[in-house]
Amino acid sequence: MEQYDPDQDLAADEWLDLDEQERMMLAEEYHRGQRTRMPNVAAHAVVHVLVENQLALAESVVVATLSRLRSEGLDRHDAIHAIGSVLSGHLSSLLREPDSQDQPNESYREALRKLAASEWRAG
């Protein structure tokens, strides 16, 4: 894989064949090429990579959420951002209170099940 485009479905095997640093570089290059203004392109790329990894690994809730968000009118890139916003919030919560949940990933999955394109658009 020589480039990343979040609006295109990835070939999971090609994505997973890359090491994490290569994935991050591809995501950063894409966003720099778009000349998108953001506070931290590296952090933004990390979130893209984490969501793409979950999709490539066929994490069922993440795959279903992407499909649902797209059917609700989001393009693939915006759906990645919507999922990434839930993931970022979840990670932030875990960092603040690491021992607060017996099954920490279940709250993430539940938040994804409830995520709607209209709510994400509203901010």
N, C-alpha and C. Protein backbone atom coordinates (compact mmCIF):
# COMPACT_ATOMS: atom_id res chain seq x y z
N MET A 1 0.85 -1.17 0.00
CA MET A 1 0.00 0.00 0.00
C MET A 1 0.90 1.23 0.00
N GLU A 2 0.66 2.09 -0.97
CA GLU A 2 1.52 3.26 -1.11
C GLU A 2 0.86 4.55 -0.66
N GLN A 3 -0.47 4.55 -0.56
CA GLN A 3 -1.14 5.75 -0.08
C GLN A 3 -2.42 5.37 0.64
N TYR A 4 -2.90 6.29 1.44
CA TYR A 4 -4.10 6.11 2.23
C TYR A 4 -5.13 7.13 1.80
N ASP A 5 -6.35 6.68 1.62
CA ASP A 5 -7.46 7.57 1.31
C ASP A 5 -8.64 7.11 2.17
N PRO A 6 -9.01 7.90 3.20
CA PRO A 6 -10.07 7.48 4.10
C PRO A 6 -11.45 7.41 3.45
N ASP A 7 -11.57 7.90 2.22
CA ASP A 7 -12.85 7.78 1.52
C ASP A 7 -12.96 6.47 0.74
N GLN A 8 -11.89 5.70 0.73
CA GLN A 8 -11.89 4.42 0.02
C GLN A 8 -11.75 3.27 1.00
N ASP A 9 -12.52 2.20 0.79
CA ASP A 9 -12.35 1.01 1.62
C ASP A 9 -10.94 0.47 1.42
N LEU A 10 -10.36 0.01 2.52
CA LEU A 10 -9.00 -0.52 2.47
C LEU A 10 -9.00 -2.03 2.25
N ALA A 11 -7.95 -2.51 1.62
CA ALA A 11 -7.72 -3.95 1.57
C ALA A 11 -7.10 -4.32 2.91
N ALA A 12 -7.87 -5.01 3.74
CA ALA A 12 -7.46 -5.30 5.11
C ALA A 12 -6.09 -5.95 5.18
N ASP A 13 -5.83 -6.92 4.32
CA ASP A 13 -4.55 -7.62 4.39
C ASP A 13 -3.38 -6.70 4.07
N GLU A 14 -3.56 -5.80 3.10
CA GLU A 14 -2.50 -4.84 2.76
C GLU A 14 -2.25 -3.88 3.92
N TRP A 15 -3.33 -3.40 4.54
CA TRP A 15 -3.23 -2.47 5.66
C TRP A 15 -2.51 -3.14 6.82
N LEU A 16 -2.91 -4.35 7.14
CA LEU A 16 -2.33 -5.05 8.28
C LEU A 16 -0.90 -5.51 8.02
N ASP A 17 -0.51 -5.61 6.76
CA ASP A 17 0.88 -5.96 6.43
C ASP A 17 1.84 -4.81 6.73
N LEU A 18 1.32 -3.59 6.81
CA LEU A 18 2.16 -2.44 7.14
C LEU A 18 2.41 -2.41 8.65
N ASP A 19 3.55 -1.85 9.05
CA ASP A 19 3.74 -1.68 10.49
C ASP A 19 3.03 -0.38 10.90
N GLU A 20 2.86 -0.21 12.21
CA GLU A 20 2.10 0.94 12.72
C GLU A 20 2.67 2.27 12.22
N GLN A 21 3.98 2.39 12.21
CA GLN A 21 4.60 3.65 11.78
C GLN A 21 4.27 3.95 10.32
N GLU A 22 4.28 2.94 9.47
CA GLU A 22 3.94 3.14 8.06
C GLU A 22 2.48 3.59 7.93
N ARG A 23 1.59 2.98 8.71
CA ARG A 23 0.18 3.36 8.67
C ARG A 23 0.02 4.82 9.09
N MET A 24 0.72 5.20 10.16
CA MET A 24 0.64 6.58 10.64
C MET A 24 1.16 7.55 9.59
N MET A 25 2.28 7.22 8.98
CA MET A 25 2.85 8.09 7.95
C MET A 25 1.88 8.28 6.79
N LEU A 26 1.22 7.20 6.37
CA LEU A 26 0.26 7.30 5.27
C LEU A 26 -0.91 8.20 5.64
N ALA A 27 -1.43 8.05 6.86
CA ALA A 27 -2.55 8.88 7.30
C ALA A 27 -2.13 10.35 7.43
N GLU A 28 -0.94 10.58 7.94
CA GLU A 28 -0.44 11.96 8.04
C GLU A 28 -0.25 12.57 6.66
N GLU A 29 0.35 11.81 5.74
CA GLU A 29 0.58 12.30 4.39
C GLU A 29 -0.73 12.68 3.71
N TYR A 30 -1.75 11.84 3.90
CA TYR A 30 -3.04 12.15 3.30
C TYR A 30 -3.55 13.50 3.80
N HIS A 31 -3.54 13.69 5.11
CA HIS A 31 -4.09 14.92 5.68
C HIS A 31 -3.24 16.15 5.35
N ARG A 32 -1.95 15.98 5.31
CA ARG A 32 -1.10 17.11 4.89
C ARG A 32 -1.37 17.46 3.43
N GLY A 33 -1.58 16.45 2.62
CA GLY A 33 -1.87 16.68 1.20
C GLY A 33 -3.20 17.38 0.99
N GLN A 34 -4.12 17.19 1.90
CA GLN A 34 -5.42 17.86 1.82
C GLN A 34 -5.36 19.29 2.35
N ARG A 35 -4.23 19.62 2.96
CA ARG A 35 -4.02 20.94 3.56
C ARG A 35 -5.11 21.26 4.59
N THR A 36 -5.51 20.21 5.31
CA THR A 36 -6.51 20.35 6.35
C THR A 36 -5.86 20.96 7.58
N ARG A 37 -6.46 22.04 8.08
CA ARG A 37 -5.93 22.66 9.30
C ARG A 37 -6.42 21.87 10.51
N MET A 38 -5.48 21.50 11.35
CA MET A 38 -5.82 20.81 12.59
C MET A 38 -4.71 21.06 13.59
N PRO A 39 -5.05 20.99 14.87
CA PRO A 39 -4.04 21.30 15.90
C PRO A 39 -2.86 20.33 15.90
N ASN A 40 -3.12 19.05 15.62
CA ASN A 40 -2.05 18.06 15.71
C ASN A 40 -2.31 16.95 14.70
N VAL A 41 -1.68 17.04 13.55
CA VAL A 41 -1.91 16.06 12.49
C VAL A 41 -1.47 14.66 12.92
N ALA A 42 -0.43 14.55 13.75
CA ALA A 42 0.03 13.23 14.19
C ALA A 42 -1.03 12.56 15.06
N ALA A 43 -1.62 13.31 15.99
CA ALA A 43 -2.66 12.74 16.86
C ALA A 43 -3.88 12.35 16.01
N HIS A 44 -4.20 13.19 15.05
CA HIS A 44 -5.33 12.90 14.17
C HIS A 44 -5.08 11.60 13.40
N ALA A 45 -3.85 11.44 12.92
CA ALA A 45 -3.48 10.23 12.18
C ALA A 45 -3.58 8.99 13.07
N VAL A 46 -3.20 9.11 14.33
CA VAL A 46 -3.29 7.98 15.26
C VAL A 46 -4.73 7.49 15.35
N VAL A 47 -5.67 8.41 15.46
CA VAL A 47 -7.07 8.02 15.57
C VAL A 47 -7.53 7.33 14.29
N HIS A 48 -7.15 7.87 13.13
CA HIS A 48 -7.48 7.21 11.87
C HIS A 48 -6.93 5.79 11.86
N VAL A 49 -5.68 5.64 12.24
CA VAL A 49 -5.04 4.32 12.21
C VAL A 49 -5.75 3.35 13.16
N LEU A 50 -6.08 3.80 14.35
CA LEU A 50 -6.77 2.92 15.30
C LEU A 50 -8.12 2.44 14.75
N VAL A 51 -8.88 3.36 14.18
CA VAL A 51 -10.18 2.96 13.62
C VAL A 51 -9.98 2.05 12.41
N GLU A 52 -9.06 2.39 11.53
CA GLU A 52 -8.80 1.53 10.36
C GLU A 52 -8.32 0.15 10.80
N ASN A 53 -7.52 0.09 11.86
CA ASN A 53 -7.08 -1.21 12.38
C ASN A 53 -8.27 -2.04 12.82
N GLN A 54 -9.19 -1.42 13.54
CA GLN A 54 -10.37 -2.15 14.01
C GLN A 54 -11.21 -2.64 12.83
N LEU A 55 -11.32 -1.82 11.79
CA LEU A 55 -12.06 -2.24 10.60
C LEU A 55 -11.34 -3.39 9.90
N ALA A 56 -10.02 -3.28 9.75
CA ALA A 56 -9.24 -4.33 9.08
C ALA A 56 -9.29 -5.65 9.84
N LEU A 57 -9.40 -5.55 11.17
CA LEU A 57 -9.50 -6.74 12.01
C LEU A 57 -10.94 -7.25 12.11
N ALA A 58 -11.83 -6.59 11.40
CA ALA A 58 -13.25 -6.97 11.34
C ALA A 58 -13.92 -6.96 12.71
N GLU A 59 -13.60 -5.93 13.51
CA GLU A 59 -14.29 -5.76 14.80
C GLU A 59 -15.75 -5.48 14.47
N SER A 60 -16.62 -6.41 14.80
CA SER A 60 -18.00 -6.38 14.30
C SER A 60 -18.75 -5.09 14.62
N VAL A 61 -18.63 -4.57 15.83
CA VAL A 61 -19.36 -3.35 16.17
C VAL A 61 -18.84 -2.16 15.37
N VAL A 62 -17.54 -2.11 15.15
CA VAL A 62 -16.96 -1.00 14.39
C VAL A 62 -17.38 -1.11 12.92
N VAL A 63 -17.34 -2.30 12.37
CA VAL A 63 -17.76 -2.51 10.98
C VAL A 63 -19.24 -2.14 10.82
N ALA A 64 -20.07 -2.59 11.74
CA ALA A 64 -21.50 -2.29 11.67
C ALA A 64 -21.76 -0.79 11.83
N THR A 65 -21.00 -0.15 12.70
CA THR A 65 -21.17 1.29 12.91
C THR A 65 -20.79 2.07 11.66
N LEU A 66 -19.68 1.70 11.04
CA LEU A 66 -19.29 2.36 9.79
C LEU A 66 -20.39 2.22 8.75
N SER A 67 -20.90 1.04 8.58
CA SER A 67 -21.95 0.78 7.60
C SER A 67 -23.21 1.60 7.91
N ARG A 68 -23.60 1.63 9.17
CA ARG A 68 -24.80 2.37 9.57
C ARG A 68 -24.62 3.87 9.34
N LEU A 69 -23.47 4.40 9.75
CA LEU A 69 -23.22 5.83 9.57
C LEU A 69 -23.22 6.22 8.09
N ARG A 70 -22.68 5.36 7.27
CA ARG A 70 -22.68 5.63 5.82
C ARG A 70 -24.11 5.59 5.28
N SER A 71 -24.92 4.67 5.78
CA SER A 71 -26.32 4.61 5.32
C SER A 71 -27.11 5.82 5.82
N GLU A 72 -26.61 6.46 6.88
CA GLU A 72 -27.25 7.67 7.41
C GLU A 72 -26.72 8.93 6.72
N GLY A 73 -25.86 8.77 5.73
CA GLY A 73 -25.45 9.90 4.91
C GLY A 73 -24.02 10.40 5.08
N LEU A 74 -23.26 9.83 5.99
CA LEU A 74 -21.86 10.26 6.13
C LEU A 74 -21.02 9.59 5.06
N ASP A 75 -20.03 10.32 4.54
CA ASP A 75 -19.08 9.65 3.67
C ASP A 75 -18.13 8.84 4.56
N ARG A 76 -17.32 8.01 3.96
CA ARG A 76 -16.47 7.12 4.75
C ARG A 76 -15.53 7.89 5.67
N HIS A 77 -14.95 8.97 5.18
CA HIS A 77 -14.00 9.75 5.97
C HIS A 77 -14.70 10.34 7.21
N ASP A 78 -15.87 10.92 7.02
CA ASP A 78 -16.59 11.47 8.16
C ASP A 78 -17.02 10.38 9.13
N ALA A 79 -17.38 9.21 8.62
CA ALA A 79 -17.74 8.10 9.49
C ALA A 79 -16.53 7.65 10.32
N ILE A 80 -15.34 7.66 9.72
CA ILE A 80 -14.12 7.35 10.46
C ILE A 80 -13.93 8.38 11.57
N HIS A 81 -14.17 9.65 11.26
CA HIS A 81 -14.05 10.70 12.28
C HIS A 81 -15.08 10.50 13.40
N ALA A 82 -16.30 10.15 13.05
CA ALA A 82 -17.33 9.95 14.07
C ALA A 82 -16.95 8.80 15.00
N ILE A 83 -16.51 7.69 14.43
CA ILE A 83 -16.07 6.55 15.25
C ILE A 83 -14.86 6.96 16.06
N GLY A 84 -13.94 7.67 15.45
CA GLY A 84 -12.74 8.14 16.14
C GLY A 84 -13.05 9.06 17.30
N SER A 85 -14.10 9.86 17.17
CA SER A 85 -14.47 10.75 18.28
C SER A 85 -14.95 9.93 19.48
N VAL A 86 -15.68 8.87 19.22
CA VAL A 86 -16.12 7.98 20.31
C VAL A 86 -14.90 7.28 20.92
N LEU A 87 -14.01 6.79 20.06
CA LEU A 87 -12.81 6.12 20.55
C LEU A 87 -11.95 7.06 21.38
N SER A 88 -11.76 8.29 20.92
CA SER A 88 -10.95 9.26 21.66
C SER A 88 -11.55 9.55 23.03
N GLY A 89 -12.86 9.71 23.09
CA GLY A 89 -13.52 9.93 24.37
C GLY A 89 -13.37 8.75 25.29
N HIS A 90 -13.47 7.56 24.74
CA HIS A 90 -13.32 6.34 25.52
C HIS A 90 -11.90 6.23 26.09
N LEU A 91 -10.90 6.49 25.25
CA LEU A 91 -9.51 6.42 25.72
C LEU A 91 -9.23 7.47 26.78
N SER A 92 -9.78 8.65 26.60
CA SER A 92 -9.61 9.71 27.58
C SER A 92 -10.20 9.30 28.92
N SER A 93 -11.36 8.70 28.89
CA SER A 93 -12.01 8.22 30.12
C SER A 93 -11.17 7.15 30.81
N LEU A 94 -10.63 6.24 30.02
CA LEU A 94 -9.80 5.17 30.59
C LEU A 94 -8.52 5.72 31.22
N LEU A 95 -7.98 6.77 30.62
CA LEU A 95 -6.77 7.37 31.17
C LEU A 95 -7.05 8.10 32.48
N ARG A 96 -8.22 8.73 32.56
CA ARG A 96 -8.60 9.44 33.79
C ARG A 96 -8.93 8.48 34.92
N GLU A 97 -9.63 7.40 34.60
CA GLU A 97 -10.07 6.43 35.61
C GLU A 97 -9.82 5.01 35.11
N PRO A 98 -8.58 4.56 35.13
CA PRO A 98 -8.23 3.27 34.52
C PRO A 98 -8.90 2.06 35.17
N ASP A 99 -9.25 2.14 36.43
CA ASP A 99 -9.83 0.97 37.12
C ASP A 99 -11.33 1.10 37.33
N SER A 100 -11.98 2.00 36.60
CA SER A 100 -13.38 2.28 36.85
C SER A 100 -14.34 1.27 36.23
N GLN A 101 -13.87 0.42 35.34
CA GLN A 101 -14.77 -0.50 34.65
C GLN A 101 -14.20 -1.90 34.62
N ASP A 102 -15.07 -2.89 34.85
CA ASP A 102 -14.65 -4.29 34.75
C ASP A 102 -14.42 -4.69 33.29
N GLN A 103 -15.29 -4.22 32.41
CA GLN A 103 -15.21 -4.53 30.98
C GLN A 103 -15.11 -3.21 30.20
N PRO A 104 -13.94 -2.60 30.17
CA PRO A 104 -13.82 -1.25 29.59
C PRO A 104 -14.23 -1.16 28.13
N ASN A 105 -14.04 -2.20 27.36
CA ASN A 105 -14.37 -2.12 25.94
C ASN A 105 -15.88 -2.17 25.69
N GLU A 106 -16.63 -2.68 26.64
CA GLU A 106 -18.08 -2.75 26.45
C GLU A 106 -18.70 -1.36 26.39
N SER A 107 -18.20 -0.43 27.18
CA SER A 107 -18.76 0.93 27.11
C SER A 107 -18.45 1.57 25.76
N TYR A 108 -17.30 1.26 25.20
CA TYR A 108 -16.96 1.75 23.86
C TYR A 108 -17.92 1.16 22.83
N ARG A 109 -18.12 -0.14 22.90
CA ARG A 109 -19.03 -0.80 21.95
C ARG A 109 -20.45 -0.23 22.07
N GLU A 110 -20.90 -0.03 23.30
CA GLU A 110 -22.25 0.51 23.51
C GLU A 110 -22.36 1.93 22.95
N ALA A 111 -21.35 2.74 23.14
CA ALA A 111 -21.36 4.10 22.60
C ALA A 111 -21.41 4.07 21.07
N LEU A 112 -20.70 3.11 20.46
CA LEU A 112 -20.75 2.98 19.00
C LEU A 112 -22.14 2.56 18.54
N ARG A 113 -22.77 1.66 19.28
CA ARG A 113 -24.12 1.22 18.91
C ARG A 113 -25.11 2.39 18.93
N LYS A 114 -24.88 3.34 19.81
CA LYS A 114 -25.78 4.48 19.95
C LYS A 114 -25.42 5.65 19.04
N LEU A 115 -24.23 5.64 18.47
CA LEU A 115 -23.75 6.74 17.64
C LEU A 115 -24.64 6.92 16.41
N ALA A 116 -25.06 8.14 16.18
CA ALA A 116 -25.88 8.46 15.00
C ALA A 116 -25.22 9.59 14.23
N ALA A 117 -25.35 9.53 12.93
CA ALA A 117 -24.76 10.57 12.08
C ALA A 117 -25.31 11.95 12.44
N SER A 118 -26.58 12.04 12.72
CA SER A 118 -27.18 13.35 13.04
C SER A 118 -26.57 13.94 14.32
N GLU A 119 -26.34 13.10 15.31
CA GLU A 119 -25.73 13.58 16.55
C GLU A 119 -24.29 14.00 16.31
N TRP A 120 -23.56 13.22 15.52
CA TRP A 120 -22.17 13.56 15.27
C TRP A 120 -22.08 14.88 14.50
N ARG A 121 -22.94 15.04 13.51
CA ARG A 121 -22.94 16.29 12.74
C ARG A 121 -23.23 17.49 13.63
N ALA A 122 -24.12 17.30 14.60
CA ALA A 122 -24.51 18.38 15.51
C ALA A 122 -23.38 18.74 16.47
N GLY A 123 -22.42 17.84 16.60
CA GLY A 123 -21.23 18.13 17.37
C GLY A 123 -21.31 17.75 18.80
